C-alpha atoms as a PDB file:
ATOM      1  CA  MET A   1      -0.034  -0.351   0.089  1.00  0.00           C
ATOM      2  CA  MET A   2       1.086   3.482  -0.870  1.00  0.00           C
ATOM      3  CA  ILE A   3       2.531   6.209   1.958  1.00  0.00           C
ATOM      4  CA  TYR A   4       1.399   9.613   1.828  1.00  0.00           C
ATOM      5  CA  GLY A   5       3.977  12.172   2.404  1.00  0.00           C
ATOM      6  CA  THR A   6       4.289  15.853   1.826  1.00  0.00           C
ATOM      7  CA  THR A   7       7.389  18.226   1.819  1.00  0.00           C
ATOM      8  CA  GLY A   8       8.187  19.875   5.028  1.00  0.00           C
ATOM      9  CA  ALA A   9      10.078  23.337   4.181  1.00  0.00           C
ATOM     10  CA  PHE A  10      11.181  25.125   6.847  1.00  0.00           C
ATOM     11  CA  GLY A  11      13.291  28.571   7.663  1.00  0.00           C
ATOM     12  CA  PHE A  12      11.174  30.292   4.980  1.00  0.00           C
ATOM     13  CA  ASP A  13       9.007  32.910   5.826  1.00  0.00           C
ATOM     14  CA  ASP A  14       6.816  32.086   2.986  1.00  0.00           C
ATOM     15  CA  PHE A  15       6.192  28.564   3.736  1.00  0.00           C
ATOM     16  CA  PRO A  16       5.080  28.560   7.694  1.00  0.00           C
ATOM     17  CA  GLN A  17       5.304  25.577   9.312  1.00  0.00           C
ATOM     18  CA  PRO A  18       3.617  23.170  10.997  1.00  0.00           C
ATOM     19  CA  GLU A  19       0.251  24.961   9.451  1.00  0.00           C
ATOM     20  CA  VAL A  20       1.010  23.568   6.206  1.00  0.00           C
ATOM     21  CA  VAL A  21       2.086  20.128   7.225  1.00  0.00           C
ATOM     22  CA  GLY A  22      -0.996  19.677   9.459  1.00  0.00           C
ATOM     23  CA  LEU A  23      -3.257  20.428   6.966  1.00  0.00           C
ATOM     24  CA  TYR A  24      -1.745  17.169   5.300  1.00  0.00           C
ATOM     25  CA  ALA A  25      -1.603  15.463   8.476  1.00  0.00           C
ATOM     26  CA  ALA A  26      -5.032  16.007   8.859  1.00  0.00           C
ATOM     27  CA  ALA A  27      -6.465  14.969   5.353  1.00  0.00           C
ATOM     28  CA  GLY A  28      -4.145  11.447   6.224  1.00  0.00           C
ATOM     29  CA  PHE A  29      -0.340  11.954   5.208  1.00  0.00           C
ATOM     30  CA  GLU A  30       1.951  10.207   7.558  1.00  0.00           C
ATOM     31  CA  VAL A  31       5.587  11.479   6.095  1.00  0.00           C
ATOM     32  CA  VAL A  32       7.712  14.379   5.779  1.00  0.00           C
ATOM     33  CA  GLN A  33      10.189  14.848   3.277  1.00  0.00           C
ATOM     34  CA  ALA A  34      12.643  18.200   5.369  1.00  0.00           C
ATOM     35  CA  TYR A  35      14.010  21.012   3.396  1.00  0.00           C
ATOM     36  CA  ARG A  36      15.920  23.461   4.809  1.00  0.00           C
ATOM     37  CA  ASN A  37      16.757  27.033   4.400  1.00  0.00           C
ATOM     38  CA  PRO A  38      20.559  26.939   4.719  1.00  0.00           C
ATOM     39  CA  ALA A  39      21.152  30.593   5.621  1.00  0.00           C
ATOM     40  CA  LYS A  40      18.630  29.959   8.836  1.00  0.00           C
ATOM     41  CA  ARG A  41      21.305  27.035   9.822  1.00  0.00           C
ATOM     42  CA  LEU A  42      18.684  24.996  11.253  1.00  0.00           C
ATOM     43  CA  SER A  43      19.556  21.887  13.792  1.00  0.00           C
ATOM     44  CA  ALA A  44      17.675  18.291  13.290  1.00  0.00           C
ATOM     45  CA  ARG A  45      16.095  19.278  16.586  1.00  0.00           C
ATOM     46  CA  ASP A  46      14.949  22.609  15.796  1.00  0.00           C
ATOM     47  CA  ILE A  47      12.746  20.702  12.808  1.00  0.00           C
ATOM     48  CA  LEU A  48      12.174  17.556  14.698  1.00  0.00           C
ATOM     49  CA  ALA A  49      10.893  20.099  17.494  1.00  0.00           C
ATOM     50  CA  THR A  50       8.078  21.604  15.037  1.00  0.00           C
ATOM     51  CA  LEU A  51       6.694  18.541  14.012  1.00  0.00           C
ATOM     52  CA  ALA A  52       6.742  17.140  17.398  1.00  0.00           C
ATOM     53  CA  ASP A  53       2.562  17.586  18.071  1.00  0.00           C
ATOM     54  CA  LEU A  54       1.608  16.091  14.600  1.00  0.00           C
ATOM     55  CA  PRO A  55       1.152  12.482  13.428  1.00  0.00           C
ATOM     56  CA  VAL A  56       4.229  12.200  11.219  1.00  0.00           C
ATOM     57  CA  ARG A  57       7.621  11.409  10.712  1.00  0.00           C
ATOM     58  CA  VAL A  58      10.486  12.377   8.606  1.00  0.00           C
ATOM     59  CA  ASP A  59      11.824   9.956   5.961  1.00  0.00           C
ATOM     60  CA  SER A  60      13.673  12.039   3.981  1.00  0.00           C
ATOM     61  CA  LEU A  61      15.898  14.876   3.106  1.00  0.00           C
ATOM     62  CA  HIS A  62      15.869  17.065   0.498  1.00  0.00           C
ATOM     63  CA  GLY A  63      19.289  18.030  -0.285  1.00  0.00           C
ATOM     64  CA  ILE A  64      20.858  21.530  -0.035  1.00  0.00           C
ATOM     65  CA  PHE A  65      21.099  22.248  -4.092  1.00  0.00           C
ATOM     66  CA  GLY A  66      22.117  25.770  -5.658  1.00  0.00           C
ATOM     67  CA  ASP A  67      24.086  26.881  -9.028  1.00  0.00           C
ATOM     68  CA  ASP A  68      27.752  25.304  -7.271  1.00  0.00           C
ATOM     69  CA  ILE A  69      26.537  22.525  -6.192  1.00  0.00           C
ATOM     70  CA  ASP A  70      26.767  19.740  -9.132  1.00  0.00           C
ATOM     71  CA  PRO A  71      27.274  16.133  -8.732  1.00  0.00           C
ATOM     72  CA  SER A  72      28.505  16.263 -12.290  1.00  0.00           C
ATOM     73  CA  SER A  73      30.953  18.579 -12.417  1.00  0.00           C
ATOM     74  CA  GLU A  74      33.222  18.758 -14.564  1.00  0.00           C
ATOM     75  CA  ASP A  75      35.848  20.509 -12.374  1.00  0.00           C
ATOM     76  CA  GLU A  76      36.985  17.909 -10.425  1.00  0.00           C
ATOM     77  CA  SER A  77      37.443  20.400  -7.380  1.00  0.00           C
ATOM     78  CA  ALA A  78      33.709  21.565  -7.561  1.00  0.00           C
ATOM     79  CA  ARG A  79      32.544  17.681  -7.738  1.00  0.00           C
ATOM     80  CA  ARG A  80      35.000  16.687  -5.166  1.00  0.00           C
ATOM     81  CA  SER A  81      33.003  19.628  -3.165  1.00  0.00           C
ATOM     82  CA  THR A  82      29.667  18.550  -4.126  1.00  0.00           C
ATOM     83  CA  ILE A  83      30.529  15.289  -2.324  1.00  0.00           C
ATOM     84  CA  ASP A  84      31.542  16.104   1.284  1.00  0.00           C
ATOM     85  CA  LEU A  85      28.321  18.373   1.334  1.00  0.00           C
ATOM     86  CA  TYR A  86      26.332  15.550   0.813  1.00  0.00           C
ATOM     87  CA  ALA A  87      28.071  13.684   2.763  1.00  0.00           C
ATOM     88  CA  ARG A  88      27.206  16.264   5.563  1.00  0.00           C
ATOM     89  CA  GLU A  89      23.375  15.728   4.225  1.00  0.00           C
ATOM     90  CA  ALA A  90      23.707  12.110   4.736  1.00  0.00           C
ATOM     91  CA  GLU A  91      24.640  12.912   8.462  1.00  0.00           C
ATOM     92  CA  PHE A  92      21.874  15.271   8.682  1.00  0.00           C
ATOM     93  CA  CYS A  93      19.430  13.184   7.242  1.00  0.00           C
ATOM     94  CA  ARG A  94      20.191  10.449  10.208  1.00  0.00           C
ATOM     95  CA  GLU A  95      19.580  13.053  12.653  1.00  0.00           C
ATOM     96  CA  LEU A  96      16.261  13.375  11.726  1.00  0.00           C
ATOM     97  CA  GLY A  97      15.257  10.117  11.724  1.00  0.00           C
ATOM     98  CA  GLY A  98      15.166   9.725   7.764  1.00  0.00           C
ATOM     99  CA  SER A  99      17.497   7.347   5.213  1.00  0.00           C
ATOM    100  CA  LEU A 100      16.731   8.779   1.881  1.00  0.00           C
ATOM    101  CA  VAL A 101      18.524  12.183   0.339  1.00  0.00           C
ATOM    102  CA  VAL A 102      17.135  13.734  -2.938  1.00  0.00           C
ATOM    103  CA  VAL A 103      20.070  14.887  -5.010  1.00  0.00           C
ATOM    104  CA  HIS A 104      19.648  17.301  -7.962  1.00  0.00           C
ATOM    105  CA  PRO A 105      22.582  15.334 -10.837  1.00  0.00           C
ATOM    106  CA  CYS A 106      23.206  18.688 -12.258  1.00  0.00           C
ATOM    107  CA  PRO A 107      21.920  22.959 -11.636  1.00  0.00           C
ATOM    108  CA  ALA A 108      20.280  24.736 -14.142  1.00  0.00           C
ATOM    109  CA  ASN A 109      21.758  26.881 -17.118  1.00  0.00           C
ATOM    110  CA  VAL A 110      25.180  25.048 -16.408  1.00  0.00           C
ATOM    111  CA  GLU A 111      27.719  25.448 -19.573  1.00  0.00           C
ATOM    112  CA  VAL A 112      28.349  22.174 -20.319  1.00  0.00           C
ATOM    113  CA  ARG A 113      32.066  21.330 -22.545  1.00  0.00           C
ATOM    114  CA  ASP A 114      31.153  17.630 -23.245  1.00  0.00           C
ATOM    115  CA  LEU A 115      28.002  16.163 -22.427  1.00  0.00           C
ATOM    116  CA  GLU A 116      29.378  12.769 -22.282  1.00  0.00           C
ATOM    117  CA  ARG A 117      31.994  13.149 -19.963  1.00  0.00           C
ATOM    118  CA  LYS A 118      29.899  15.352 -17.295  1.00  0.00           C
ATOM    119  CA  TYR A 119      27.672  11.796 -16.913  1.00  0.00           C
ATOM    120  CA  GLY A 120      31.203   9.811 -16.094  1.00  0.00           C
ATOM    121  CA  GLN A 121      31.301  12.346 -13.908  1.00  0.00           C
ATOM    122  CA  LEU A 122      27.935  11.278 -12.536  1.00  0.00           C
ATOM    123  CA  ARG A 123      29.077   8.005 -12.006  1.00  0.00           C
ATOM    124  CA  ARG A 124      31.950   8.874 -10.191  1.00  0.00           C
ATOM    125  CA  THR A 125      29.738  10.586  -7.502  1.00  0.00           C
ATOM    126  CA  PHE A 126      27.585   7.015  -7.732  1.00  0.00           C
ATOM    127  CA  ASP A 127      30.559   5.259  -6.653  1.00  0.00           C
ATOM    128  CA  GLU A 128      31.524   7.584  -3.917  1.00  0.00           C
ATOM    129  CA  LEU A 129      27.848   8.693  -2.584  1.00  0.00           C
ATOM    130  CA  ALA A 130      27.333   4.851  -2.344  1.00  0.00           C
ATOM    131  CA  ARG A 131      30.275   4.408   0.306  1.00  0.00           C
ATOM    132  CA  VAL A 132      29.383   7.303   2.229  1.00  0.00           C
ATOM    133  CA  GLY A 133      25.614   5.584   2.321  1.00  0.00           C
ATOM    134  CA  GLU A 134      26.696   2.293   3.099  1.00  0.00           C
ATOM    135  CA  ARG A 135      28.768   4.321   5.949  1.00  0.00           C
ATOM    136  CA  GLN A 136      25.688   6.356   6.781  1.00  0.00           C
ATOM    137  CA  GLY A 137      22.701   4.090   6.036  1.00  0.00           C
ATOM    138  CA  VAL A 138      20.831   6.311   3.982  1.00  0.00           C
ATOM    139  CA  ARG A 139      20.348   5.974   0.587  1.00  0.00           C
ATOM    140  CA  PHE A 140      20.707   9.082  -2.168  1.00  0.00           C
ATOM    141  CA  ALA A 141      17.980   9.415  -4.976  1.00  0.00           C
ATOM    142  CA  PHE A 142      18.735  10.887  -7.925  1.00  0.00           C
ATOM    143  CA  GLU A 143      15.889  13.123  -9.661  1.00  0.00           C
ATOM    144  CA  ASN A 144      14.884  13.994 -12.828  1.00  0.00           C
ATOM    145  CA  MET A 145      14.712  17.633 -13.770  1.00  0.00           C
ATOM    146  CA  PRO A 146      12.804  20.254 -16.216  1.00  0.00           C
ATOM    147  CA  PRO A 147      14.600  20.762 -19.397  1.00  0.00           C
ATOM    148  CA  TYR A 148      17.024  23.687 -18.813  1.00  0.00           C
ATOM    149  CA  HIS A 149      19.194  21.482 -16.760  1.00  0.00           C
ATOM    150  CA  PRO A 150      21.387  19.827 -19.749  1.00  0.00           C
ATOM    151  CA  LEU A 151      21.921  16.468 -17.576  1.00  0.00           C
ATOM    152  CA  GLY A 152      18.910  14.866 -15.768  1.00  0.00           C
ATOM    153  CA  HIS A 153      16.185  16.081 -17.794  1.00  0.00           C
ATOM    154  CA  ASP A 154      16.149  12.866 -19.990  1.00  0.00           C
ATOM    155  CA  VAL A 155      14.121  10.418 -17.850  1.00  0.00           C
ATOM    156  CA  GLU A 156      15.197   7.267 -19.490  1.00  0.00           C
ATOM    157  CA  ARG A 157      18.774   8.308 -19.740  1.00  0.00           C
ATOM    158  CA  LEU A 158      19.253   8.876 -16.159  1.00  0.00           C
ATOM    159  CA  ALA A 159      17.212   5.908 -14.622  1.00  0.00           C
ATOM    160  CA  ARG A 160      19.339   3.597 -17.024  1.00  0.00           C
ATOM    161  CA  GLU A 161      22.579   5.055 -15.121  1.00  0.00           C
ATOM    162  CA  VAL A 162      21.169   5.130 -11.923  1.00  0.00           C
ATOM    163  CA  GLN A 163      20.461   1.351 -12.579  1.00  0.00           C
ATOM    164  CA  ALA A 164      23.393   0.662 -14.283  1.00  0.00           C
ATOM    165  CA  ALA A 165      25.151   2.058 -10.430  1.00  0.00           C
ATOM    166  CA  SER A 166      24.224  -1.609  -9.144  1.00  0.00           C
ATOM    167  CA  CYS A 167      23.957  -0.282  -6.105  1.00  0.00           C
ATOM    168  CA  GLU A 168      20.843  -0.001  -2.961  1.00  0.00           C
ATOM    169  CA  GLN A 169      22.182   3.188  -1.900  1.00  0.00           C
ATOM    170  CA  ILE A 170      21.623   5.083  -5.725  1.00  0.00           C
ATOM    171  CA  VAL A 171      18.020   5.545  -6.400  1.00  0.00           C
ATOM    172  CA  PHE A 172      15.940   7.017  -9.150  1.00  0.00           C
ATOM    173  CA  LEU A 173      13.481   9.678  -8.296  1.00  0.00           C
ATOM    174  CA  ILE A 174      10.956  10.618 -10.536  1.00  0.00           C
ATOM    175  CA  ASP A 175       9.458  14.243 -10.043  1.00  0.00           C
ATOM    176  CA  THR A 176       6.184  14.550 -11.692  1.00  0.00           C
ATOM    177  CA  GLY A 177       5.976  17.916 -12.310  1.00  0.00           C
ATOM    178  CA  HIS A 178       9.639  18.065 -13.913  1.00  0.00           C
ATOM    179  CA  ALA A 179       8.808  14.845 -16.686  1.00  0.00           C
ATOM    180  CA  HIS A 180       5.655  16.638 -17.606  1.00  0.00           C
ATOM    181  CA  MET A 181       7.555  19.534 -18.611  1.00  0.00           C
ATOM    182  CA  THR A 182       9.474  17.274 -21.293  1.00  0.00           C
ATOM    183  CA  GLY A 183       7.199  15.481 -22.574  1.00  0.00           C
ATOM    184  CA  ASP A 184       4.801  12.434 -21.534  1.00  0.00           C
ATOM    185  CA  LEU A 185       4.933  11.792 -17.993  1.00  0.00           C
ATOM    186  CA  ALA A 186       3.404   8.629 -18.412  1.00  0.00           C
ATOM    187  CA  ALA A 187       5.984   7.264 -20.966  1.00  0.00           C
ATOM    188  CA  ALA A 188       8.670   8.671 -18.497  1.00  0.00           C
ATOM    189  CA  VAL A 189       7.080   6.561 -15.693  1.00  0.00           C
ATOM    190  CA  ARG A 190       6.931   3.124 -18.392  1.00  0.00           C
ATOM    191  CA  ALA A 191      10.529   4.625 -19.545  1.00  0.00           C
ATOM    192  CA  ALA A 192      11.985   4.565 -15.889  1.00  0.00           C
ATOM    193  CA  GLY A 193       9.701   1.483 -14.814  1.00  0.00           C
ATOM    194  CA  PRO A 194      11.635  -0.575 -11.899  1.00  0.00           C
ATOM    195  CA  ALA A 195      14.013   1.984 -11.382  1.00  0.00           C
ATOM    196  CA  ILE A 196      11.651   4.216  -9.593  1.00  0.00           C
ATOM    197  CA  ALA A 197      12.503   4.438  -5.937  1.00  0.00           C
ATOM    198  CA  TYR A 198      10.764   7.867  -4.785  1.00  0.00           C
ATOM    199  CA  THR A 199       8.549  10.240  -5.688  1.00  0.00           C
ATOM    200  CA  HIS A 200       8.203  13.983  -6.141  1.00  0.00           C
ATOM    201  CA  VAL A 201       4.659  14.490  -6.998  1.00  0.00           C
ATOM    202  CA  HIS A 202       3.158  17.681  -8.091  1.00  0.00           C
ATOM    203  CA  ASP A 203       1.342  19.547 -11.640  1.00  0.00           C
ATOM    204  CA  ASN A 204       2.078  22.570 -13.774  1.00  0.00           C
ATOM    205  CA  ASP A 205       0.944  23.560 -17.118  1.00  0.00           C
ATOM    206  CA  GLY A 206       3.873  21.628 -18.897  1.00  0.00           C
ATOM    207  CA  LYS A 207       5.721  25.015 -19.038  1.00  0.00           C
ATOM    208  CA  ASN A 208       6.450  26.325 -15.858  1.00  0.00           C
ATOM    209  CA  ASP A 209       7.706  24.671 -12.916  1.00  0.00           C
ATOM    210  CA  THR A 210       5.027  25.985 -10.464  1.00  0.00           C
ATOM    211  CA  HIS A 211       4.715  22.788  -7.906  1.00  0.00           C
ATOM    212  CA  ARG A 212       0.577  22.945  -7.808  1.00  0.00           C
ATOM    213  CA  LEU A 213      -1.334  20.641  -6.090  1.00  0.00           C
ATOM    214  CA  PRO A 214      -2.303  17.501  -8.661  1.00  0.00           C
ATOM    215  CA  LEU A 215      -5.380  17.670 -10.506  1.00  0.00           C
ATOM    216  CA  THR A 216      -4.912  21.591 -10.421  1.00  0.00           C
ATOM    217  CA  GLY A 217      -2.232  21.888 -13.720  1.00  0.00           C
ATOM    218  CA  THR A 218      -2.831  19.835 -17.190  1.00  0.00           C
ATOM    219  CA  ILE A 219      -1.130  16.404 -15.900  1.00  0.00           C
ATOM    220  CA  ASP A 220      -2.702  13.298 -17.122  1.00  0.00           C
ATOM    221  CA  TRP A 221      -2.983  11.808 -13.530  1.00  0.00           C
ATOM    222  CA  PRO A 222      -5.308   8.493 -14.367  1.00  0.00           C
ATOM    223  CA  ALA A 223      -2.521   7.773 -17.448  1.00  0.00           C
ATOM    224  CA  PHE A 224       0.067   8.726 -14.449  1.00  0.00           C
ATOM    225  CA  GLY A 225      -1.668   6.245 -11.997  1.00  0.00           C
ATOM    226  CA  THR A 226      -1.749   3.405 -14.565  1.00  0.00           C
ATOM    227  CA  ALA A 227       1.799   3.486 -15.591  1.00  0.00           C
ATOM    228  CA  LEU A 228       3.205   3.845 -11.814  1.00  0.00           C
ATOM    229  CA  ARG A 229       1.026   0.473 -10.783  1.00  0.00           C
ATOM    230  CA  ASN A 230       2.319  -1.435 -13.624  1.00  0.00           C
ATOM    231  CA  THR A 231       6.130  -0.501 -12.076  1.00  0.00           C
ATOM    232  CA  ARG A 232       4.673  -2.142  -8.770  1.00  0.00           C
ATOM    233  CA  TYR A 233       5.911   0.692  -7.321  1.00  0.00           C
ATOM    234  CA  LYS A 234       5.046   0.730  -3.442  1.00  0.00           C
ATOM    235  CA  GLY A 235       7.080   3.476  -1.948  1.00  0.00           C
ATOM    236  CA  VAL A 236       5.836   7.120  -0.570  1.00  0.00           C
ATOM    237  CA  PHE A 237       3.819   9.151  -2.837  1.00  0.00           C
ATOM    238  CA  LEU A 238       5.073  13.007  -1.660  1.00  0.00           C
ATOM    239  CA  LEU A 239       3.896  16.055  -2.792  1.00  0.00           C
ATOM    240  CA  GLU A 240       6.435  18.707  -3.748  1.00  0.00           C
ATOM    241  CA  VAL A 241       3.258  21.405  -3.527  1.00  0.00           C
ATOM    242  CA  PHE A 242       4.045  24.944  -2.723  1.00  0.00           C
ATOM    243  CA  GLU A 243       0.094  26.429  -2.416  1.00  0.00           C
ATOM    244  CA  SER A 244       0.027  28.886   0.095  1.00  0.00           C
ATOM    245  CA  PRO A 245      -2.085  27.997   3.442  1.00  0.00           C
ATOM    246  CA  SER A 246      -4.996  29.425   2.492  1.00  0.00           C
ATOM    247  CA  ASP A 247      -5.187  28.092  -1.022  1.00  0.00           C
ATOM    248  CA  LEU A 248      -4.210  24.131   0.194  1.00  0.00           C
ATOM    249  CA  ARG A 249      -7.215  24.814   3.062  1.00  0.00           C
ATOM    250  CA  ARG A 250      -9.695  25.471  -0.592  1.00  0.00           C
ATOM    251  CA  LEU A 251      -7.635  22.917  -2.536  1.00  0.00           C
ATOM    252  CA  LEU A 252      -7.207  19.424  -0.191  1.00  0.00           C
ATOM    253  CA  THR A 253     -10.676  18.410   0.020  1.00  0.00           C
ATOM    254  CA  PRO A 254     -11.844  15.228   1.011  1.00  0.00           C
ATOM    255  CA  ASP A 255     -12.843  15.657  -3.049  1.00  0.00           C
ATOM    256  CA  TRP A 256      -9.405  15.835  -3.730  1.00  0.00           C
ATOM    257  CA  THR A 257      -7.959  13.458  -1.817  1.00  0.00           C
ATOM    258  CA  ARG A 258     -10.964  10.802  -3.492  1.00  0.00           C
ATOM    259  CA  ARG A 259      -9.887  11.436  -6.932  1.00  0.00           C
ATOM    260  CA  MET A 260      -6.615  11.462  -6.122  1.00  0.00           C
ATOM    261  CA  ARG A 261      -6.374   8.268  -4.686  1.00  0.00           C
ATOM    262  CA  ALA A 262      -8.922   6.875  -7.853  1.00  0.00           C
ATOM    263  CA  ALA A 263      -6.762   8.020 -10.224  1.00  0.00           C
ATOM    264  CA  LEU A 264      -3.503   6.193  -8.266  1.00  0.00           C
ATOM    265  CA  ASP A 265      -5.309   2.899  -7.657  1.00  0.00           C
ATOM    266  CA  GLY A 266      -7.783   3.088 -10.606  1.00  0.00           C
ATOM    267  CA  SER A 267     -11.175   2.827  -8.909  1.00  0.00           C
ATOM    268  CA  PRO A 268     -13.511   4.512 -10.545  1.00  0.00           C
END
């Protein structure tokens, strides 16, 4: 049975916690993927204290990302710096009680001199983070990206590279909104197939990465549900949605929950 979860963004003034997580908890969501504002220097204890009164648990951490954080960098010193950062993220994840760290395989709009060399660098990162993951007891989930990321937007290629790593600590995460921006989401799910180990779920218009609540954009959710069921995925269905609390109270209704679950399990 699929577990339902949500992103918890901590240390951001425009994304108040625990109000947002509380709305999801009331709708039956059980897990939280933490992401914190690196400028606020929050501790794991700070985040857990925020969630203490809610019936949820942290299962994962979205690793810090940015223009200077590139696991596939052609600059070896930059790639090494990224490895060190994600080793620290793994420690932070374990402090939260989680066991999975989400990684962006490449920043947006970065200049690439040799794409195949860049994939080669990513494979080196897989090998090194696998050793980190084995020591720390975490998996690193590499996420497909929007089309303006030169590496990572090709779902089939990224999933294939992850599978070729043949390592329990290196897994693939399907991001629905990003895949919708680069082509057909259901086809992307079919291409990734059993490589899918985690999800980021959100909607958009196919052009802009707006992270809307599913069923409010242009994704064909029944087609996605059919494709996902055919992979036999049984993991977390994690909403990565950035609606305001007022909009979320209006949109996250029992009818929405019924329609979403119907799309996923195929019931009428």
